[in-house]
Amino acid sequence: MYAESNYRPHIVSRTNDYGIMQLNKCNHGWMKTELGVTDFLDAEQNINAGTFLLMNISEEYSDPHKMLMVYNMGEVGARKCWNRGIYSSRYSRKITAMADELKGF
């Protein structure tokens, strides 16, 4: 949440990513239907939807870099990278480094 929005709940990016978890507008439809999200700029709803998305991605991809690539660029974008032999991104390296720092590594 810090890396995505610096904890700002009402931020909308140039690429249509909303709220604390920066949920892309392309996901809003199914999140409204499946999760009952009514306001993507509401911090609680945004965090619940974002963590749900991360949970689903992590069930399919155990590698943290792959998981973060899918979260950040979508599955299609991540697969394009993987097909070119790229298995981490600037974003995934940044987030894993932040996580390592928080863990005290």
PDB file of N, CA and C in Angstrom:
ATOM      1  N   MET A   1       0.825  -1.189   0.000  1.00  0.00           N
ATOM      2  CA  MET A   1       0.000   0.000   0.000  1.00  0.00           C
ATOM      3  C   MET A   1       0.871   1.256   0.000  1.00  0.00           C
ATOM      4  N   TYR A   2       1.988   1.167   0.719  1.00  0.00           N
ATOM      5  CA  TYR A   2       2.913   2.298   0.709  1.00  0.00           C
ATOM      6  C   TYR A   2       3.467   2.510  -0.701  1.00  0.00           C
ATOM      7  N   ALA A   3       3.906   1.423  -1.338  1.00  0.00           N
ATOM      8  CA  ALA A   3       4.495   1.529  -2.670  1.00  0.00           C
ATOM      9  C   ALA A   3       3.466   1.918  -3.724  1.00  0.00           C
ATOM     10  N   GLU A   4       2.249   1.465  -3.554  1.00  0.00           N
ATOM     11  CA  GLU A   4       1.211   1.739  -4.555  1.00  0.00           C
ATOM     12  C   GLU A   4       0.713   3.180  -4.492  1.00  0.00           C
ATOM     13  N   SER A   5       0.418   3.671  -3.281  1.00  0.00           N
ATOM     14  CA  SER A   5      -0.263   4.964  -3.173  1.00  0.00           C
ATOM     15  C   SER A   5       0.240   5.849  -2.050  1.00  0.00           C
ATOM     16  N   ASN A   6       1.262   5.381  -1.324  1.00  0.00           N
ATOM     17  CA  ASN A   6       1.713   6.091  -0.129  1.00  0.00           C
ATOM     18  C   ASN A   6       0.546   6.255   0.853  1.00  0.00           C
ATOM     19  N   TYR A   7      -0.294   5.223   0.888  1.00  0.00           N
ATOM     20  CA  TYR A   7      -1.456   5.149   1.798  1.00  0.00           C
ATOM     21  C   TYR A   7      -2.520   6.217   1.523  1.00  0.00           C
ATOM     22  N   ARG A   8      -2.549   6.756   0.324  1.00  0.00           N
ATOM     23  CA  ARG A   8      -3.544   7.780  -0.008  1.00  0.00           C
ATOM     24  C   ARG A   8      -4.780   7.105  -0.596  1.00  0.00           C
ATOM     25  N   PRO A   9      -5.905   7.152   0.096  1.00  0.00           N
ATOM     26  CA  PRO A   9      -7.090   6.408  -0.345  1.00  0.00           C
ATOM     27  C   PRO A   9      -7.801   6.987  -1.568  1.00  0.00           C
ATOM     28  N   HIS A  10      -7.657   8.255  -1.831  1.00  0.00           N
ATOM     29  CA  HIS A  10      -8.448   8.883  -2.898  1.00  0.00           C
ATOM     30  C   HIS A  10      -7.651   9.162  -4.164  1.00  0.00           C
ATOM     31  N   ILE A  11      -6.524   8.510  -4.323  1.00  0.00           N
ATOM     32  CA  ILE A  11      -5.675   8.756  -5.487  1.00  0.00           C
ATOM     33  C   ILE A  11      -6.146   7.912  -6.683  1.00  0.00           C
ATOM     34  N   VAL A  12      -6.128   8.530  -7.850  1.00  0.00           N
ATOM     35  CA  VAL A  12      -6.398   7.830  -9.113  1.00  0.00           C
ATOM     36  C   VAL A  12      -5.223   8.147 -10.033  1.00  0.00           C
ATOM     37  N   SER A  13      -4.598   7.091 -10.554  1.00  0.00           N
ATOM     38  CA  SER A  13      -3.410   7.294 -11.390  1.00  0.00           C
ATOM     39  C   SER A  13      -3.791   7.647 -12.828  1.00  0.00           C
ATOM     40  N   ARG A  14      -2.786   8.016 -13.598  1.00  0.00           N
ATOM     41  CA  ARG A  14      -2.977   8.311 -15.024  1.00  0.00           C
ATOM     42  C   ARG A  14      -3.448   7.083 -15.790  1.00  0.00           C
ATOM     43  N   THR A  15      -3.155   5.889 -15.244  1.00  0.00           N
ATOM     44  CA  THR A  15      -3.520   4.645 -15.930  1.00  0.00           C
ATOM     45  C   THR A  15      -4.788   4.007 -15.342  1.00  0.00           C
ATOM     46  N   ASN A  16      -5.602   4.826 -14.672  1.00  0.00           N
ATOM     47  CA  ASN A  16      -6.882   4.377 -14.096  1.00  0.00           C
ATOM     48  C   ASN A  16      -6.743   3.337 -12.995  1.00  0.00           C
ATOM     49  N   ASP A  17      -5.761   3.543 -12.119  1.00  0.00           N
ATOM     50  CA  ASP A  17      -5.609   2.706 -10.933  1.00  0.00           C
ATOM     51  C   ASP A  17      -6.140   3.499  -9.750  1.00  0.00           C
ATOM     52  N   TYR A  18      -6.961   2.835  -8.927  1.00  0.00           N
ATOM     53  CA  TYR A  18      -7.723   3.536  -7.903  1.00  0.00           C
ATOM     54  C   TYR A  18      -7.323   3.155  -6.485  1.00  0.00           C
ATOM     55  N   GLY A  19      -7.210   4.172  -5.633  1.00  0.00           N
ATOM     56  CA  GLY A  19      -7.124   3.990  -4.196  1.00  0.00           C
ATOM     57  C   GLY A  19      -5.809   3.453  -3.666  1.00  0.00           C
ATOM     58  N   ILE A  20      -5.856   3.064  -2.410  1.00  0.00           N
ATOM     59  CA  ILE A  20      -4.674   2.621  -1.674  1.00  0.00           C
ATOM     60  C   ILE A  20      -3.954   1.483  -2.376  1.00  0.00           C
ATOM     61  N   MET A  21      -4.701   0.513  -2.886  1.00  0.00           N
ATOM     62  CA  MET A  21      -4.097  -0.659  -3.529  1.00  0.00           C
ATOM     63  C   MET A  21      -3.912  -0.461  -5.029  1.00  0.00           C
ATOM     64  N   GLN A  22      -4.314   0.708  -5.546  1.00  0.00           N
ATOM     65  CA  GLN A  22      -4.186   1.039  -6.963  1.00  0.00           C
ATOM     66  C   GLN A  22      -4.773  -0.052  -7.854  1.00  0.00           C
ATOM     67  N   LEU A  23      -6.065  -0.288  -7.670  1.00  0.00           N
ATOM     68  CA  LEU A  23      -6.787  -1.314  -8.419  1.00  0.00           C
ATOM     69  C   LEU A  23      -7.185  -0.768  -9.782  1.00  0.00           C
ATOM     70  N   ASN A  24      -6.729  -1.437 -10.822  1.00  0.00           N
ATOM     71  CA  ASN A  24      -6.987  -0.965 -12.172  1.00  0.00           C
ATOM     72  C   ASN A  24      -8.460  -1.084 -12.527  1.00  0.00           C
ATOM     73  N   LYS A  25      -8.919  -0.096 -13.263  1.00  0.00           N
ATOM     74  CA  LYS A  25     -10.327  -0.025 -13.652  1.00  0.00           C
ATOM     75  C   LYS A  25     -10.786  -1.276 -14.400  1.00  0.00           C
ATOM     76  N   CYS A  26      -9.880  -1.973 -15.075  1.00  0.00           N
ATOM     77  CA  CYS A  26     -10.273  -3.178 -15.804  1.00  0.00           C
ATOM     78  C   CYS A  26     -10.773  -4.274 -14.852  1.00  0.00           C
ATOM     79  N   ASN A  27     -10.453  -4.178 -13.585  1.00  0.00           N
ATOM     80  CA  ASN A  27     -10.910  -5.152 -12.589  1.00  0.00           C
ATOM     81  C   ASN A  27     -12.189  -4.732 -11.859  1.00  0.00           C
ATOM     82  N   HIS A  28     -12.617  -3.513 -12.037  1.00  0.00           N
ATOM     83  CA  HIS A  28     -13.732  -3.000 -11.257  1.00  0.00           C
ATOM     84  C   HIS A  28     -15.030  -3.778 -11.470  1.00  0.00           C
ATOM     85  N   GLY A  29     -15.314  -4.164 -12.705  1.00  0.00           N
ATOM     86  CA  GLY A  29     -16.572  -4.856 -12.987  1.00  0.00           C
ATOM     87  C   GLY A  29     -16.737  -6.131 -12.189  1.00  0.00           C
ATOM     88  N   TRP A  30     -15.758  -7.030 -12.266  1.00  0.00           N
ATOM     89  CA  TRP A  30     -15.893  -8.291 -11.542  1.00  0.00           C
ATOM     90  C   TRP A  30     -15.793  -8.077 -10.039  1.00  0.00           C
ATOM     91  N   MET A  31     -15.030  -7.060  -9.607  1.00  0.00           N
ATOM     92  CA  MET A  31     -14.934  -6.793  -8.172  1.00  0.00           C
ATOM     93  C   MET A  31     -16.252  -6.257  -7.613  1.00  0.00           C
ATOM     94  N   LYS A  32     -16.954  -5.476  -8.412  1.00  0.00           N
ATOM     95  CA  LYS A  32     -18.279  -5.006  -7.990  1.00  0.00           C
ATOM     96  C   LYS A  32     -19.231  -6.183  -7.848  1.00  0.00           C
ATOM     97  N   THR A  33     -19.229  -7.054  -8.860  1.00  0.00           N
ATOM     98  CA  THR A  33     -20.136  -8.195  -8.866  1.00  0.00           C
ATOM     99  C   THR A  33     -19.769  -9.228  -7.808  1.00  0.00           C
ATOM    100  N   GLU A  34     -18.520  -9.651  -7.813  1.00  0.00           N
ATOM    101  CA  GLU A  34     -18.092 -10.749  -6.943  1.00  0.00           C
ATOM    102  C   GLU A  34     -17.867 -10.329  -5.498  1.00  0.00           C
ATOM    103  N   LEU A  35     -17.347  -9.120  -5.299  1.00  0.00           N
ATOM    104  CA  LEU A  35     -16.986  -8.693  -3.949  1.00  0.00           C
ATOM    105  C   LEU A  35     -17.927  -7.638  -3.381  1.00  0.00           C
ATOM    106  N   GLY A  36     -18.804  -7.104  -4.212  1.00  0.00           N
ATOM    107  CA  GLY A  36     -19.743  -6.093  -3.744  1.00  0.00           C
ATOM    108  C   GLY A  36     -19.131  -4.720  -3.522  1.00  0.00           C
ATOM    109  N   VAL A  37     -18.012  -4.447  -4.180  1.00  0.00           N
ATOM    110  CA  VAL A  37     -17.372  -3.140  -4.030  1.00  0.00           C
ATOM    111  C   VAL A  37     -18.269  -2.078  -4.652  1.00  0.00           C
ATOM    112  N   THR A  38     -18.529  -1.020  -3.891  1.00  0.00           N
ATOM    113  CA  THR A  38     -19.339   0.084  -4.397  1.00  0.00           C
ATOM    114  C   THR A  38     -18.536   1.364  -4.585  1.00  0.00           C
ATOM    115  N   ASP A  39     -17.379   1.435  -3.924  1.00  0.00           N
ATOM    116  CA  ASP A  39     -16.556   2.643  -3.998  1.00  0.00           C
ATOM    117  C   ASP A  39     -15.084   2.246  -3.920  1.00  0.00           C
ATOM    118  N   PHE A  40     -14.381   2.335  -5.034  1.00  0.00           N
ATOM    119  CA  PHE A  40     -12.981   1.932  -5.083  1.00  0.00           C
ATOM    120  C   PHE A  40     -12.050   2.927  -4.405  1.00  0.00           C
ATOM    121  N   LEU A  41     -12.569   4.072  -4.019  1.00  0.00           N
ATOM    122  CA  LEU A  41     -11.770   5.038  -3.280  1.00  0.00           C
ATOM    123  C   LEU A  41     -12.038   4.972  -1.782  1.00  0.00           C
ATOM    124  N   ASP A  42     -12.927   4.086  -1.366  1.00  0.00           N
ATOM    125  CA  ASP A  42     -13.148   3.820   0.051  1.00  0.00           C
ATOM    126  C   ASP A  42     -12.024   2.891   0.516  1.00  0.00           C
ATOM    127  N   ALA A  43     -11.275   3.327   1.515  1.00  0.00           N
ATOM    128  CA  ALA A  43     -10.075   2.595   1.933  1.00  0.00           C
ATOM    129  C   ALA A  43     -10.373   1.135   2.284  1.00  0.00           C
ATOM    130  N   GLU A  44     -11.394   0.884   3.070  1.00  0.00           N
ATOM    131  CA  GLU A  44     -11.679  -0.490   3.495  1.00  0.00           C
ATOM    132  C   GLU A  44     -12.054  -1.378   2.316  1.00  0.00           C
ATOM    133  N   GLN A  45     -12.928  -0.903   1.449  1.00  0.00           N
ATOM    134  CA  GLN A  45     -13.327  -1.692   0.282  1.00  0.00           C
ATOM    135  C   GLN A  45     -12.142  -1.925  -0.653  1.00  0.00           C
ATOM    136  N   ASN A  46     -11.314  -0.904  -0.834  1.00  0.00           N
ATOM    137  CA  ASN A  46     -10.157  -1.009  -1.717  1.00  0.00           C
ATOM    138  C   ASN A  46      -9.157  -2.027  -1.185  1.00  0.00           C
ATOM    139  N   ILE A  47      -8.871  -1.970   0.096  1.00  0.00           N
ATOM    140  CA  ILE A  47      -7.924  -2.911   0.693  1.00  0.00           C
ATOM    141  C   ILE A  47      -8.473  -4.329   0.638  1.00  0.00           C
ATOM    142  N   ASN A  48      -9.750  -4.493   0.940  1.00  0.00           N
ATOM    143  CA  ASN A  48     -10.353  -5.834   0.861  1.00  0.00           C
ATOM    144  C   ASN A  48     -10.263  -6.392  -0.554  1.00  0.00           C
ATOM    145  N   ALA A  49     -10.572  -5.573  -1.548  1.00  0.00           N
ATOM    146  CA  ALA A  49     -10.510  -6.039  -2.938  1.00  0.00           C
ATOM    147  C   ALA A  49      -9.063  -6.323  -3.353  1.00  0.00           C
ATOM    148  N   GLY A  50      -8.150  -5.461  -2.963  1.00  0.00           N
ATOM    149  CA  GLY A  50      -6.754  -5.656  -3.321  1.00  0.00           C
ATOM    150  C   GLY A  50      -6.149  -6.900  -2.692  1.00  0.00           C
ATOM    151  N   THR A  51      -6.457  -7.144  -1.436  1.00  0.00           N
ATOM    152  CA  THR A  51      -5.923  -8.336  -0.785  1.00  0.00           C
ATOM    153  C   THR A  51      -6.579  -9.598  -1.340  1.00  0.00           C
ATOM    154  N   PHE A  52      -7.844  -9.507  -1.730  1.00  0.00           N
ATOM    155  CA  PHE A  52      -8.507 -10.639  -2.385  1.00  0.00           C
ATOM    156  C   PHE A  52      -7.796 -10.966  -3.698  1.00  0.00           C
ATOM    157  N   LEU A  53      -7.494  -9.933  -4.462  1.00  0.00           N
ATOM    158  CA  LEU A  53      -6.793 -10.114  -5.733  1.00  0.00           C
ATOM    159  C   LEU A  53      -5.413 -10.735  -5.506  1.00  0.00           C
ATOM    160  N   LEU A  54      -4.668 -10.214  -4.548  1.00  0.00           N
ATOM    161  CA  LEU A  54      -3.347 -10.763  -4.241  1.00  0.00           C
ATOM    162  C   LEU A  54      -3.433 -12.216  -3.781  1.00  0.00           C
ATOM    163  N   MET A  55      -4.441 -12.535  -2.975  1.00  0.00           N
ATOM    164  CA  MET A  55      -4.617 -13.904  -2.513  1.00  0.00           C
ATOM    165  C   MET A  55      -4.843 -14.840  -3.705  1.00  0.00           C
ATOM    166  N   ASN A  56      -5.700 -14.435  -4.623  1.00  0.00           N
ATOM    167  CA  ASN A  56      -5.973 -15.266  -5.799  1.00  0.00           C
ATOM    168  C   ASN A  56      -4.740 -15.428  -6.672  1.00  0.00           C
ATOM    169  N   ILE A  57      -4.007 -14.361  -6.862  1.00  0.00           N
ATOM    170  CA  ILE A  57      -2.781 -14.436  -7.663  1.00  0.00           C
ATOM    171  C   ILE A  57      -1.770 -15.349  -6.981  1.00  0.00           C
ATOM    172  N   SER A  58      -1.641 -15.228  -5.667  1.00  0.00           N
ATOM    173  CA  SER A  58      -0.643 -16.029  -4.946  1.00  0.00           C
ATOM    174  C   SER A  58      -0.991 -17.506  -4.938  1.00  0.00           C
ATOM    175  N   GLU A  59      -2.275 -17.840  -5.084  1.00  0.00           N
ATOM    176  CA  GLU A  59      -2.665 -19.247  -5.172  1.00  0.00           C
ATOM    177  C   GLU A  59      -2.222 -19.860  -6.498  1.00  0.00           C
ATOM    178  N   GLU A  60      -2.102 -19.036  -7.516  1.00  0.00           N
ATOM    179  CA  GLU A  60      -1.691 -19.529  -8.831  1.00  0.00           C
ATOM    180  C   GLU A  60      -0.182 -19.434  -9.055  1.00  0.00           C
ATOM    181  N   TYR A  61       0.437 -18.418  -8.478  1.00  0.00           N
ATOM    182  CA  TYR A  61       1.863 -18.177  -8.682  1.00  0.00           C
ATOM    183  C   TYR A  61       2.559 -18.121  -7.330  1.00  0.00           C
ATOM    184  N   SER A  62       3.401 -19.099  -7.047  1.00  0.00           N
ATOM    185  CA  SER A  62       4.093 -19.122  -5.757  1.00  0.00           C
ATOM    186  C   SER A  62       5.338 -18.237  -5.760  1.00  0.00           C
ATOM    187  N   ASP A  63       5.906 -17.986  -6.921  1.00  0.00           N
ATOM    188  CA  ASP A  63       7.084 -17.135  -7.007  1.00  0.00           C
ATOM    189  C   ASP A  63       6.660 -15.681  -6.762  1.00  0.00           C
ATOM    190  N   PRO A  64       7.275 -15.021  -5.772  1.00  0.00           N
ATOM    191  CA  PRO A  64       6.851 -13.651  -5.458  1.00  0.00           C
ATOM    192  C   PRO A  64       7.013 -12.681  -6.626  1.00  0.00           C
ATOM    193  N   HIS A  65       8.031 -12.850  -7.446  1.00  0.00           N
ATOM    194  CA  HIS A  65       8.210 -11.944  -8.579  1.00  0.00           C
ATOM    195  C   HIS A  65       7.092 -12.136  -9.605  1.00  0.00           C
ATOM    196  N   LYS A  66       6.755 -13.384  -9.891  1.00  0.00           N
ATOM    197  CA  LYS A  66       5.663 -13.627 -10.840  1.00  0.00           C
ATOM    198  C   LYS A  66       4.350 -13.069 -10.293  1.00  0.00           C
ATOM    199  N   MET A  67       4.094 -13.305  -9.009  1.00  0.00           N
ATOM    200  CA  MET A  67       2.874 -12.811  -8.393  1.00  0.00           C
ATOM    201  C   MET A  67       2.792 -11.282  -8.499  1.00  0.00           C
ATOM    202  N   LEU A  68       3.885 -10.623  -8.176  1.00  0.00           N
ATOM    203  CA  LEU A  68       3.888  -9.163  -8.220  1.00  0.00           C
ATOM    204  C   LEU A  68       3.807  -8.626  -9.644  1.00  0.00           C
ATOM    205  N   MET A  69       4.397  -9.336 -10.583  1.00  0.00           N
ATOM    206  CA  MET A  69       4.287  -8.923 -11.981  1.00  0.00           C
ATOM    207  C   MET A  69       2.842  -9.000 -12.447  1.00  0.00           C
ATOM    208  N   VAL A  70       2.138 -10.065 -12.083  1.00  0.00           N
ATOM    209  CA  VAL A  70       0.729 -10.196 -12.458  1.00  0.00           C
ATOM    210  C   VAL A  70      -0.085  -9.093 -11.800  1.00  0.00           C
ATOM    211  N   TYR A  71       0.160  -8.820 -10.525  1.00  0.00           N
ATOM    212  CA  TYR A  71      -0.568  -7.762  -9.826  1.00  0.00           C
ATOM    213  C   TYR A  71      -0.340  -6.418 -10.499  1.00  0.00           C
ATOM    214  N   ASN A  72       0.886  -6.164 -10.905  1.00  0.00           N
ATOM    215  CA  ASN A  72       1.242  -4.863 -11.446  1.00  0.00           C
ATOM    216  C   ASN A  72       0.881  -4.669 -12.911  1.00  0.00           C
ATOM    217  N   MET A  73       1.068  -5.708 -13.737  1.00  0.00           N
ATOM    218  CA  MET A  73       0.872  -5.519 -15.178  1.00  0.00           C
ATOM    219  C   MET A  73      -0.200  -6.409 -15.772  1.00  0.00           C
ATOM    220  N   GLY A  74      -0.876  -7.159 -14.903  1.00  0.00           N
ATOM    221  CA  GLY A  74      -1.890  -8.083 -15.393  1.00  0.00           C
ATOM    222  C   GLY A  74      -1.248  -9.358 -15.910  1.00  0.00           C
ATOM    223  N   GLU A  75      -2.057 -10.377 -16.015  1.00  0.00           N
ATOM    224  CA  GLU A  75      -1.527 -11.673 -16.436  1.00  0.00           C
ATOM    225  C   GLU A  75      -1.021 -11.649 -17.874  1.00  0.00           C
ATOM    226  N   VAL A  76      -1.707 -10.950 -18.749  1.00  0.00           N
ATOM    227  CA  VAL A  76      -1.277 -10.885 -20.149  1.00  0.00           C
ATOM    228  C   VAL A  76       0.087 -10.200 -20.257  1.00  0.00           C
ATOM    229  N   GLY A  77       0.240  -9.078 -19.583  1.00  0.00           N
ATOM    230  CA  GLY A  77       1.511  -8.371 -19.619  1.00  0.00           C
ATOM    231  C   GLY A  77       2.640  -9.180 -19.006  1.00  0.00           C
ATOM    232  N   ALA A  78       2.347  -9.853 -17.891  1.00  0.00           N
ATOM    233  CA  ALA A  78       3.374 -10.668 -17.243  1.00  0.00           C
ATOM    234  C   ALA A  78       3.777 -11.832 -18.146  1.00  0.00           C
ATOM    235  N   ARG A  79       2.808 -12.488 -18.766  1.00  0.00           N
ATOM    236  CA  ARG A  79       3.124 -13.625 -19.648  1.00  0.00           C
ATOM    237  C   ARG A  79       3.987 -13.189 -20.836  1.00  0.00           C
ATOM    238  N   LYS A  80       3.748 -11.997 -21.345  1.00  0.00           N
ATOM    239  CA  LYS A  80       4.586 -11.487 -22.437  1.00  0.00           C
ATOM    240  C   LYS A  80       6.037 -11.397 -21.985  1.00  0.00           C
ATOM    241  N   CYS A  81       6.249 -10.924 -20.761  1.00  0.00           N
ATOM    242  CA  CYS A  81       7.615 -10.850 -20.223  1.00  0.00           C
ATOM    243  C   CYS A  81       8.194 -12.247 -20.059  1.00  0.00           C
ATOM    244  N   TRP A  82       7.429 -13.151 -19.459  1.00  0.00           N
ATOM    245  CA  TRP A  82       7.921 -14.507 -19.223  1.00  0.00           C
ATOM    246  C   TRP A  82       8.279 -15.198 -20.533  1.00  0.00           C
ATOM    247  N   ASN A  83       7.487 -14.954 -21.578  1.00  0.00           N
ATOM    248  CA  ASN A  83       7.782 -15.548 -22.883  1.00  0.00           C
ATOM    249  C   ASN A  83       9.096 -15.026 -23.463  1.00  0.00           C
ATOM    250  N   ARG A  84       9.538 -13.861 -22.990  1.00  0.00           N
ATOM    251  CA  ARG A  84      10.825 -13.304 -23.418  1.00  0.00           C
ATOM    252  C   ARG A  84      11.932 -13.642 -22.417  1.00  0.00           C
ATOM    253  N   GLY A  85      11.616 -14.498 -21.430  1.00  0.00           N
ATOM    254  CA  GLY A  85      12.616 -14.915 -20.447  1.00  0.00           C
ATOM    255  C   GLY A  85      12.829 -13.931 -19.311  1.00  0.00           C
ATOM    256  N   ILE A  86      11.888 -13.014 -19.118  1.00  0.00           N
ATOM    257  CA  ILE A  86      11.981 -12.018 -18.053  1.00  0.00           C
ATOM    258  C   ILE A  86      11.059 -12.449 -16.917  1.00  0.00           C
ATOM    259  N   TYR A  87      11.645 -12.741 -15.752  1.00  0.00           N
ATOM    260  CA  TYR A  87      10.874 -13.298 -14.645  1.00  0.00           C
ATOM    261  C   TYR A  87      10.836 -12.395 -13.415  1.00  0.00           C
ATOM    262  N   SER A  88      11.283 -11.178 -13.564  1.00  0.00           N
ATOM    263  CA  SER A  88      11.124 -10.161 -12.523  1.00  0.00           C
ATOM    264  C   SER A  88      11.026  -8.820 -13.239  1.00  0.00           C
ATOM    265  N   SER A  89      10.531  -7.842 -12.539  1.00  0.00           N
ATOM    266  CA  SER A  89      10.397  -6.502 -13.112  1.00  0.00           C
ATOM    267  C   SER A  89      10.951  -5.493 -12.106  1.00  0.00           C
ATOM    268  N   ARG A  90      11.107  -4.292 -12.561  1.00  0.00           N
ATOM    269  CA  ARG A  90      11.552  -3.234 -11.638  1.00  0.00           C
ATOM    270  C   ARG A  90      10.590  -3.164 -10.453  1.00  0.00           C
ATOM    271  N   TYR A  91       9.295  -3.263 -10.748  1.00  0.00           N
ATOM    272  CA  TYR A  91       8.277  -3.226  -9.689  1.00  0.00           C
ATOM    273  C   TYR A  91       8.442  -4.402  -8.727  1.00  0.00           C
ATOM    274  N   SER A  92       8.573  -5.619  -9.238  1.00  0.00           N
ATOM    275  CA  SER A  92       8.661  -6.788  -8.352  1.00  0.00           C
ATOM    276  C   SER A  92       9.937  -6.742  -7.513  1.00  0.00           C
ATOM    277  N   ARG A  93      11.022  -6.270  -8.100  1.00  0.00           N
ATOM    278  CA  ARG A  93      12.275  -6.155  -7.341  1.00  0.00           C
ATOM    279  C   ARG A  93      12.166  -5.092  -6.253  1.00  0.00           C
ATOM    280  N   LYS A  94      11.483  -4.004  -6.567  1.00  0.00           N
ATOM    281  CA  LYS A  94      11.283  -2.938  -5.580  1.00  0.00           C
ATOM    282  C   LYS A  94      10.460  -3.447  -4.391  1.00  0.00           C
ATOM    283  N   ILE A  95       9.374  -4.145  -4.680  1.00  0.00           N
ATOM    284  CA  ILE A  95       8.487  -4.615  -3.611  1.00  0.00           C
ATOM    285  C   ILE A  95       9.158  -5.701  -2.786  1.00  0.00           C
ATOM    286  N   THR A  96       9.845  -6.629  -3.423  1.00  0.00           N
ATOM    287  CA  THR A  96      10.517  -7.681  -2.649  1.00  0.00           C
ATOM    288  C   THR A  96      11.651  -7.092  -1.808  1.00  0.00           C
ATOM    289  N   ALA A  97      12.338  -6.079  -2.311  1.00  0.00           N
ATOM    290  CA  ALA A  97      13.382  -5.418  -1.520  1.00  0.00           C
ATOM    291  C   ALA A  97      12.770  -4.711  -0.315  1.00  0.00           C
ATOM    292  N   MET A  98      11.633  -4.061  -0.516  1.00  0.00           N
ATOM    293  CA  MET A  98      10.948  -3.408   0.607  1.00  0.00           C
ATOM    294  C   MET A  98      10.515  -4.444   1.643  1.00  0.00           C
ATOM    295  N   ALA A  99      10.006  -5.569   1.193  1.00  0.00           N
ATOM    296  CA  ALA A  99       9.572  -6.632   2.111  1.00  0.00           C
ATOM    297  C   ALA A  99      10.771  -7.180   2.882  1.00  0.00           C
ATOM    298  N   ASP A 100      11.880  -7.400   2.200  1.00  0.00           N
ATOM    299  CA  ASP A 100      13.086  -7.891   2.867  1.00  0.00           C
ATOM    300  C   ASP A 100      13.572  -6.906   3.927  1.00  0.00           C
ATOM    301  N   GLU A 101      13.506  -5.632   3.589  1.00  0.00           N
ATOM    302  CA  GLU A 101      13.934  -4.609   4.546  1.00  0.00           C
ATOM    303  C   GLU A 101      13.048  -4.627   5.787  1.00  0.00           C
ATOM    304  N   LEU A 102      11.757  -4.765   5.597  1.00  0.00           N
ATOM    305  CA  LEU A 102      10.832  -4.829   6.732  1.00  0.00           C
ATOM    306  C   LEU A 102      11.056  -6.061   7.593  1.00  0.00           C
ATOM    307  N   LYS A 103      11.491  -7.160   6.945  1.00  0.00           N
ATOM    308  CA  LYS A 103      11.769  -8.398   7.677  1.00  0.00           C
ATOM    309  C   LYS A 103      13.110  -8.326   8.390  1.00  0.00           C
ATOM    310  N   GLY A 104      13.921  -7.337   8.061  1.00  0.00           N
ATOM    311  CA  GLY A 104      15.220  -7.178   8.697  1.00  0.00           C
ATOM    312  C   GLY A 104      16.354  -7.936   8.026  1.00  0.00           C
ATOM    313  N   PHE A 105      16.179  -8.251   6.732  1.00  0.00           N
ATOM    314  CA  PHE A 105      17.242  -8.946   6.004  1.00  0.00           C
ATOM    315  C   PHE A 105      18.286  -7.976   5.529  1.00  0.00           C
TER     316      PHE A 105
END
